[in-house]
Structures are given as structure tokens and as C-alpha cells.
Amino acid sequence: MSTINKLEQALAGAQSLASQMKTFSMDTDNQDAKQMFQQLATNAENMSQMLQSRINFVKEEEPQYNNQQ
């Protein structure tokens, strides 16, 4: 598996995690748990942004990755 594939897989995982944490936040009435899940969602979204930045950088530096799916 190439580096770009691994990064894209990690990105998909981080995006999925953020979505799950948002769902957990909406599903609870406990304010402490709600706040924790919201913070975890924010952290996962930040990870997603960082991974996307890295993917963009790799694609710029390694043009052969631009044609991969």
C-alpha cells in the first residue's frame, strides 16, 4: 500500500470518528458526556484537516500520486 493510500485511509478513519463523536454527543442528555464527545469530534476534525494538508503536500511533491484513486 502506498503512502498516499495510507494517508487517505487515515483521513477516512478520522472523518468517520468525528462523525461518530458528533452522533454520540447528540444521543446523550448528560452534559459532561456531551461536552466530552464534542471535544473529541473537534479533535478528530483537526486531525482530518492535518491529514488533508499532508495529502495535498504529498500530491504536490509526488505527481505520480495525482492519478491514483
PDB file of N, CA and C in Angstrom:
ATOM      1  N   MET A   1       0.851  -1.173   0.000  1.00  0.00           N
ATOM      2  CA  MET A   1       0.000   0.000   0.000  1.00  0.00           C
ATOM      3  C   MET A   1       0.896   1.236   0.000  1.00  0.00           C
ATOM      4  N   SER A   2       0.590   2.174  -0.876  1.00  0.00           N
ATOM      5  CA  SER A   2       1.425   3.367  -0.997  1.00  0.00           C
ATOM      6  C   SER A   2       1.142   4.351   0.141  1.00  0.00           C
ATOM      7  N   THR A   3       2.041   5.272   0.302  1.00  0.00           N
ATOM      8  CA  THR A   3       1.910   6.297   1.338  1.00  0.00           C
ATOM      9  C   THR A   3       0.612   7.071   1.179  1.00  0.00           C
ATOM     10  N   ILE A   4       0.290   7.459  -0.025  1.00  0.00           N
ATOM     11  CA  ILE A   4      -0.922   8.255  -0.256  1.00  0.00           C
ATOM     12  C   ILE A   4      -2.164   7.449   0.112  1.00  0.00           C
ATOM     13  N   ASN A   5      -2.158   6.154  -0.183  1.00  0.00           N
ATOM     14  CA  ASN A   5      -3.292   5.305   0.192  1.00  0.00           C
ATOM     15  C   ASN A   5      -3.438   5.210   1.707  1.00  0.00           C
ATOM     16  N   LYS A   6      -2.318   5.091   2.400  1.00  0.00           N
ATOM     17  CA  LYS A   6      -2.353   5.026   3.861  1.00  0.00           C
ATOM     18  C   LYS A   6      -2.867   6.336   4.452  1.00  0.00           C
ATOM     19  N   LEU A   7      -2.416   7.447   3.888  1.00  0.00           N
ATOM     20  CA  LEU A   7      -2.883   8.749   4.367  1.00  0.00           C
ATOM     21  C   LEU A   7      -4.380   8.925   4.113  1.00  0.00           C
ATOM     22  N   GLU A   8      -4.834   8.525   2.944  1.00  0.00           N
ATOM     23  CA  GLU A   8      -6.253   8.640   2.623  1.00  0.00           C
ATOM     24  C   GLU A   8      -7.103   7.730   3.501  1.00  0.00           C
ATOM     25  N   GLN A   9      -6.576   6.572   3.830  1.00  0.00           N
ATOM     26  CA  GLN A   9      -7.283   5.658   4.728  1.00  0.00           C
ATOM     27  C   GLN A   9      -7.368   6.266   6.133  1.00  0.00           C
ATOM     28  N   ALA A  10      -6.281   6.867   6.589  1.00  0.00           N
ATOM     29  CA  ALA A  10      -6.276   7.521   7.900  1.00  0.00           C
ATOM     30  C   ALA A  10      -7.251   8.697   7.909  1.00  0.00           C
ATOM     31  N   LEU A  11      -7.297   9.451   6.815  1.00  0.00           N
ATOM     32  CA  LEU A  11      -8.229  10.570   6.703  1.00  0.00           C
ATOM     33  C   LEU A  11      -9.672  10.083   6.808  1.00  0.00           C
ATOM     34  N   ALA A  12      -9.994   9.033   6.093  1.00  0.00           N
ATOM     35  CA  ALA A  12     -11.355   8.487   6.143  1.00  0.00           C
ATOM     36  C   ALA A  12     -11.703   8.034   7.560  1.00  0.00           C
ATOM     37  N   GLY A  13     -10.746   7.433   8.237  1.00  0.00           N
ATOM     38  CA  GLY A  13     -10.973   6.998   9.615  1.00  0.00           C
ATOM     39  C   GLY A  13     -11.212   8.170  10.557  1.00  0.00           C
ATOM     40  N   ALA A  14     -10.434   9.226  10.405  1.00  0.00           N
ATOM     41  CA  ALA A  14     -10.590  10.410  11.253  1.00  0.00           C
ATOM     42  C   ALA A  14     -11.940  11.083  10.990  1.00  0.00           C
ATOM     43  N   GLN A  15     -12.348  11.143   9.735  1.00  0.00           N
ATOM     44  CA  GLN A  15     -13.642  11.735   9.399  1.00  0.00           C
ATOM     45  C   GLN A  15     -14.787  10.904   9.971  1.00  0.00           C
ATOM     46  N   SER A  16     -14.653   9.595   9.905  1.00  0.00           N
ATOM     47  CA  SER A  16     -15.666   8.704  10.460  1.00  0.00           C
ATOM     48  C   SER A  16     -15.741   8.867  11.980  1.00  0.00           C
ATOM     49  N   LEU A  17     -14.597   8.952  12.613  1.00  0.00           N
ATOM     50  CA  LEU A  17     -14.547   9.129  14.060  1.00  0.00           C
ATOM     51  C   LEU A  17     -15.230  10.434  14.468  1.00  0.00           C
ATOM     52  N   ALA A  18     -14.946  11.517  13.753  1.00  0.00           N
ATOM     53  CA  ALA A  18     -15.572  12.805  14.063  1.00  0.00           C
ATOM     54  C   ALA A  18     -17.096  12.689  13.966  1.00  0.00           C
ATOM     55  N   SER A  19     -17.553  12.022  12.943  1.00  0.00           N
ATOM     56  CA  SER A  19     -18.991  11.844  12.748  1.00  0.00           C
ATOM     57  C   SER A  19     -19.612  11.029  13.887  1.00  0.00           C
ATOM     58  N   GLN A  20     -18.939   9.971  14.287  1.00  0.00           N
ATOM     59  CA  GLN A  20     -19.441   9.138  15.377  1.00  0.00           C
ATOM     60  C   GLN A  20     -19.498   9.911  16.688  1.00  0.00           C
ATOM     61  N   MET A  21     -18.481  10.728  16.957  1.00  0.00           N
ATOM     62  CA  MET A  21     -18.456  11.506  18.197  1.00  0.00           C
ATOM     63  C   MET A  21     -19.589  12.538  18.216  1.00  0.00           C
ATOM     64  N   LYS A  22     -19.877  13.126  17.059  1.00  0.00           N
ATOM     65  CA  LYS A  22     -20.996  14.069  16.977  1.00  0.00           C
ATOM     66  C   LYS A  22     -22.314  13.359  17.254  1.00  0.00           C
ATOM     67  N   THR A  23     -22.455  12.157  16.724  1.00  0.00           N
ATOM     68  CA  THR A  23     -23.670  11.374  16.965  1.00  0.00           C
ATOM     69  C   THR A  23     -23.805  11.042  18.440  1.00  0.00           C
ATOM     70  N   PHE A  24     -22.722  10.601  19.060  1.00  0.00           N
ATOM     71  CA  PHE A  24     -22.767  10.297  20.496  1.00  0.00           C
ATOM     72  C   PHE A  24     -23.161  11.536  21.290  1.00  0.00           C
ATOM     73  N   SER A  25     -22.635  12.677  20.894  1.00  0.00           N
ATOM     74  CA  SER A  25     -22.947  13.927  21.582  1.00  0.00           C
ATOM     75  C   SER A  25     -24.439  14.238  21.520  1.00  0.00           C
ATOM     76  N   MET A  26     -25.026  14.000  20.363  1.00  0.00           N
ATOM     77  CA  MET A  26     -26.462  14.270  20.211  1.00  0.00           C
ATOM     78  C   MET A  26     -27.327  13.238  20.928  1.00  0.00           C
ATOM     79  N   ASP A  27     -26.784  12.041  21.121  1.00  0.00           N
ATOM     80  CA  ASP A  27     -27.568  10.949  21.704  1.00  0.00           C
ATOM     81  C   ASP A  27     -27.592  10.948  23.228  1.00  0.00           C
ATOM     82  N   THR A  28     -26.829  11.811  23.872  1.00  0.00           N
ATOM     83  CA  THR A  28     -26.784  11.790  25.327  1.00  0.00           C
ATOM     84  C   THR A  28     -27.392  13.059  25.913  1.00  0.00           C
ATOM     85  N   ASP A  29     -27.969  12.904  27.082  1.00  0.00           N
ATOM     86  CA  ASP A  29     -28.501  14.049  27.818  1.00  0.00           C
ATOM     87  C   ASP A  29     -27.527  14.512  28.895  1.00  0.00           C
ATOM     88  N   ASN A  30     -26.514  13.699  29.162  1.00  0.00           N
ATOM     89  CA  ASN A  30     -25.513  14.031  30.173  1.00  0.00           C
ATOM     90  C   ASN A  30     -24.604  15.129  29.624  1.00  0.00           C
ATOM     91  N   GLN A  31     -24.615  16.283  30.255  1.00  0.00           N
ATOM     92  CA  GLN A  31     -23.874  17.428  29.740  1.00  0.00           C
ATOM     93  C   GLN A  31     -22.361  17.208  29.745  1.00  0.00           C
ATOM     94  N   ASP A  32     -21.849  16.490  30.738  1.00  0.00           N
ATOM     95  CA  ASP A  32     -20.410  16.199  30.766  1.00  0.00           C
ATOM     96  C   ASP A  32     -20.018  15.304  29.595  1.00  0.00           C
ATOM     97  N   ALA A  33     -20.817  14.287  29.351  1.00  0.00           N
ATOM     98  CA  ALA A  33     -20.540  13.381  28.233  1.00  0.00           C
ATOM     99  C   ALA A  33     -20.691  14.121  26.905  1.00  0.00           C
ATOM    100  N   LYS A  34     -21.723  14.952  26.798  1.00  0.00           N
ATOM    101  CA  LYS A  34     -21.951  15.728  25.580  1.00  0.00           C
ATOM    102  C   LYS A  34     -20.736  16.601  25.276  1.00  0.00           C
ATOM    103  N   GLN A  35     -20.230  17.280  26.295  1.00  0.00           N
ATOM    104  CA  GLN A  35     -19.059  18.139  26.121  1.00  0.00           C
ATOM    105  C   GLN A  35     -17.830  17.328  25.725  1.00  0.00           C
ATOM    106  N   MET A  36     -17.656  16.167  26.350  1.00  0.00           N
ATOM    107  CA  MET A  36     -16.518  15.312  26.018  1.00  0.00           C
ATOM    108  C   MET A  36     -16.590  14.865  24.555  1.00  0.00           C
ATOM    109  N   PHE A  37     -17.759  14.403  24.121  1.00  0.00           N
ATOM    110  CA  PHE A  37     -17.912  13.949  22.739  1.00  0.00           C
ATOM    111  C   PHE A  37     -17.708  15.082  21.743  1.00  0.00           C
ATOM    112  N   GLN A  38     -18.177  16.272  22.087  1.00  0.00           N
ATOM    113  CA  GLN A  38     -17.971  17.427  21.206  1.00  0.00           C
ATOM    114  C   GLN A  38     -16.487  17.755  21.087  1.00  0.00           C
ATOM    115  N   GLN A  39     -15.758  17.675  22.203  1.00  0.00           N
ATOM    116  CA  GLN A  39     -14.321  17.937  22.163  1.00  0.00           C
ATOM    117  C   GLN A  39     -13.596  16.869  21.342  1.00  0.00           C
ATOM    118  N   LEU A  40     -13.992  15.623  21.510  1.00  0.00           N
ATOM    119  CA  LEU A  40     -13.389  14.547  20.723  1.00  0.00           C
ATOM    120  C   LEU A  40     -13.680  14.722  19.240  1.00  0.00           C
ATOM    121  N   ALA A  41     -14.884  15.174  18.899  1.00  0.00           N
ATOM    122  CA  ALA A  41     -15.230  15.437  17.497  1.00  0.00           C
ATOM    123  C   ALA A  41     -14.351  16.551  16.938  1.00  0.00           C
ATOM    124  N   THR A  42     -14.149  17.590  17.720  1.00  0.00           N
ATOM    125  CA  THR A  42     -13.286  18.697  17.296  1.00  0.00           C
ATOM    126  C   THR A  42     -11.858  18.211  17.076  1.00  0.00           C
ATOM    127  N   ASN A  43     -11.369  17.392  17.992  1.00  0.00           N
ATOM    128  CA  ASN A  43     -10.015  16.847  17.844  1.00  0.00           C
ATOM    129  C   ASN A  43      -9.890  16.012  16.571  1.00  0.00           C
ATOM    130  N   ALA A  44     -10.885  15.187  16.301  1.00  0.00           N
ATOM    131  CA  ALA A  44     -10.862  14.352  15.097  1.00  0.00           C
ATOM    132  C   ALA A  44     -10.949  15.213  13.835  1.00  0.00           C
ATOM    133  N   GLU A  45     -11.735  16.288  13.881  1.00  0.00           N
ATOM    134  CA  GLU A  45     -11.814  17.197  12.733  1.00  0.00           C
ATOM    135  C   GLU A  45     -10.467  17.883  12.497  1.00  0.00           C
ATOM    136  N   ASN A  46      -9.786  18.250  13.585  1.00  0.00           N
ATOM    137  CA  ASN A  46      -8.451  18.850  13.455  1.00  0.00           C
ATOM    138  C   ASN A  46      -7.472  17.850  12.836  1.00  0.00           C
ATOM    139  N   MET A  47      -7.560  16.599  13.266  1.00  0.00           N
ATOM    140  CA  MET A  47      -6.722  15.556  12.673  1.00  0.00           C
ATOM    141  C   MET A  47      -7.004  15.421  11.186  1.00  0.00           C
ATOM    142  N   SER A  48      -8.288  15.462  10.833  1.00  0.00           N
ATOM    143  CA  SER A  48      -8.679  15.355   9.426  1.00  0.00           C
ATOM    144  C   SER A  48      -8.062  16.479   8.606  1.00  0.00           C
ATOM    145  N   GLN A  49      -8.112  17.680   9.127  1.00  0.00           N
ATOM    146  CA  GLN A  49      -7.540  18.822   8.413  1.00  0.00           C
ATOM    147  C   GLN A  49      -6.032  18.667   8.241  1.00  0.00           C
ATOM    148  N   MET A  50      -5.365  18.195   9.279  1.00  0.00           N
ATOM    149  CA  MET A  50      -3.919  17.993   9.193  1.00  0.00           C
ATOM    150  C   MET A  50      -3.573  16.908   8.182  1.00  0.00           C
ATOM    151  N   LEU A  51      -4.333  15.824   8.193  1.00  0.00           N
ATOM    152  CA  LEU A  51      -4.102  14.747   7.230  1.00  0.00           C
ATOM    153  C   LEU A  51      -4.367  15.216   5.808  1.00  0.00           C
ATOM    154  N   GLN A  52      -5.422  16.004   5.610  1.00  0.00           N
ATOM    155  CA  GLN A  52      -5.719  16.518   4.280  1.00  0.00           C
ATOM    156  C   GLN A  52      -4.588  17.418   3.795  1.00  0.00           C
ATOM    157  N   SER A  53      -4.048  18.224   4.687  1.00  0.00           N
ATOM    158  CA  SER A  53      -2.912  19.078   4.323  1.00  0.00           C
ATOM    159  C   SER A  53      -1.715  18.241   3.894  1.00  0.00           C
ATOM    160  N   ARG A  54      -1.480  17.162   4.608  1.00  0.00           N
ATOM    161  CA  ARG A  54      -0.360  16.281   4.275  1.00  0.00           C
ATOM    162  C   ARG A  54      -0.594  15.605   2.925  1.00  0.00           C
ATOM    163  N   ILE A  55      -1.825  15.162   2.687  1.00  0.00           N
ATOM    164  CA  ILE A  55      -2.155  14.546   1.401  1.00  0.00           C
ATOM    165  C   ILE A  55      -1.907  15.533   0.272  1.00  0.00           C
ATOM    166  N   ASN A  56      -2.363  16.759   0.449  1.00  0.00           N
ATOM    167  CA  ASN A  56      -2.149  17.787  -0.573  1.00  0.00           C
ATOM    168  C   ASN A  56      -0.666  18.017  -0.822  1.00  0.00           C
ATOM    169  N   PHE A  57       0.122  18.051   0.245  1.00  0.00           N
ATOM    170  CA  PHE A  57       1.566  18.251   0.116  1.00  0.00           C
ATOM    171  C   PHE A  57       2.200  17.097  -0.653  1.00  0.00           C
ATOM    172  N   VAL A  58       1.851  15.875  -0.285  1.00  0.00           N
ATOM    173  CA  VAL A  58       2.423  14.696  -0.950  1.00  0.00           C
ATOM    174  C   VAL A  58       2.064  14.700  -2.429  1.00  0.00           C
ATOM    175  N   LYS A  59       0.820  15.058  -2.739  1.00  0.00           N
ATOM    176  CA  LYS A  59       0.407  15.096  -4.143  1.00  0.00           C
ATOM    177  C   LYS A  59       1.165  16.161  -4.925  1.00  0.00           C
ATOM    178  N   GLU A  60       1.487  17.272  -4.273  1.00  0.00           N
ATOM    179  CA  GLU A  60       2.286  18.311  -4.939  1.00  0.00           C
ATOM    180  C   GLU A  60       3.719  17.850  -5.168  1.00  0.00           C
ATOM    181  N   GLU A  61       4.289  17.182  -4.180  1.00  0.00           N
ATOM    182  CA  GLU A  61       5.684  16.754  -4.240  1.00  0.00           C
ATOM    183  C   GLU A  61       5.875  15.506  -5.092  1.00  0.00           C
ATOM    184  N   GLU A  62       4.860  14.676  -5.144  1.00  0.00           N
ATOM    185  CA  GLU A  62       4.950  13.397  -5.856  1.00  0.00           C
ATOM    186  C   GLU A  62       3.820  13.317  -6.885  1.00  0.00           C
ATOM    187  N   PRO A  63       4.006  13.881  -8.057  1.00  0.00           N
ATOM    188  CA  PRO A  63       2.931  13.961  -9.064  1.00  0.00           C
ATOM    189  C   PRO A  63       2.324  12.615  -9.448  1.00  0.00           C
ATOM    190  N   GLN A  64       3.067  11.535  -9.289  1.00  0.00           N
ATOM    191  CA  GLN A  64       2.522  10.227  -9.667  1.00  0.00           C
ATOM    192  C   GLN A  64       1.300   9.865  -8.804  1.00  0.00           C
ATOM    193  N   TYR A  65       1.165  10.474  -7.634  1.00  0.00           N
ATOM    194  CA  TYR A  65       0.023  10.179  -6.767  1.00  0.00           C
ATOM    195  C   TYR A  65      -1.253  10.887  -7.219  1.00  0.00           C
ATOM    196  N   ASN A  66      -1.166  11.861  -8.088  1.00  0.00           N
ATOM    197  CA  ASN A  66      -2.343  12.577  -8.533  1.00  0.00           C
ATOM    198  C   ASN A  66      -3.304  11.714  -9.330  1.00  0.00           C
ATOM    199  N   ASN A  67      -2.824  10.655  -9.948  1.00  0.00           N
ATOM    200  CA  ASN A  67      -3.670   9.801 -10.779  1.00  0.00           C
ATOM    201  C   ASN A  67      -4.216   8.593 -10.028  1.00  0.00           C
ATOM    202  N   GLN A  68      -3.802   8.421  -8.766  1.00  0.00           N
ATOM    203  CA  GLN A  68      -4.264   7.266  -8.004  1.00  0.00           C
ATOM    204  C   GLN A  68      -5.604   7.575  -7.365  1.00  0.00           C
ATOM    205  N   GLN A  69      -6.396   6.528  -7.202  1.00  0.00           N
ATOM    206  CA  GLN A  69      -7.705   6.667  -6.541  1.00  0.00           C
ATOM    207  C   GLN A  69      -7.657   6.006  -5.192  1.00  0.00           C
TER     208      GLN A  69
END
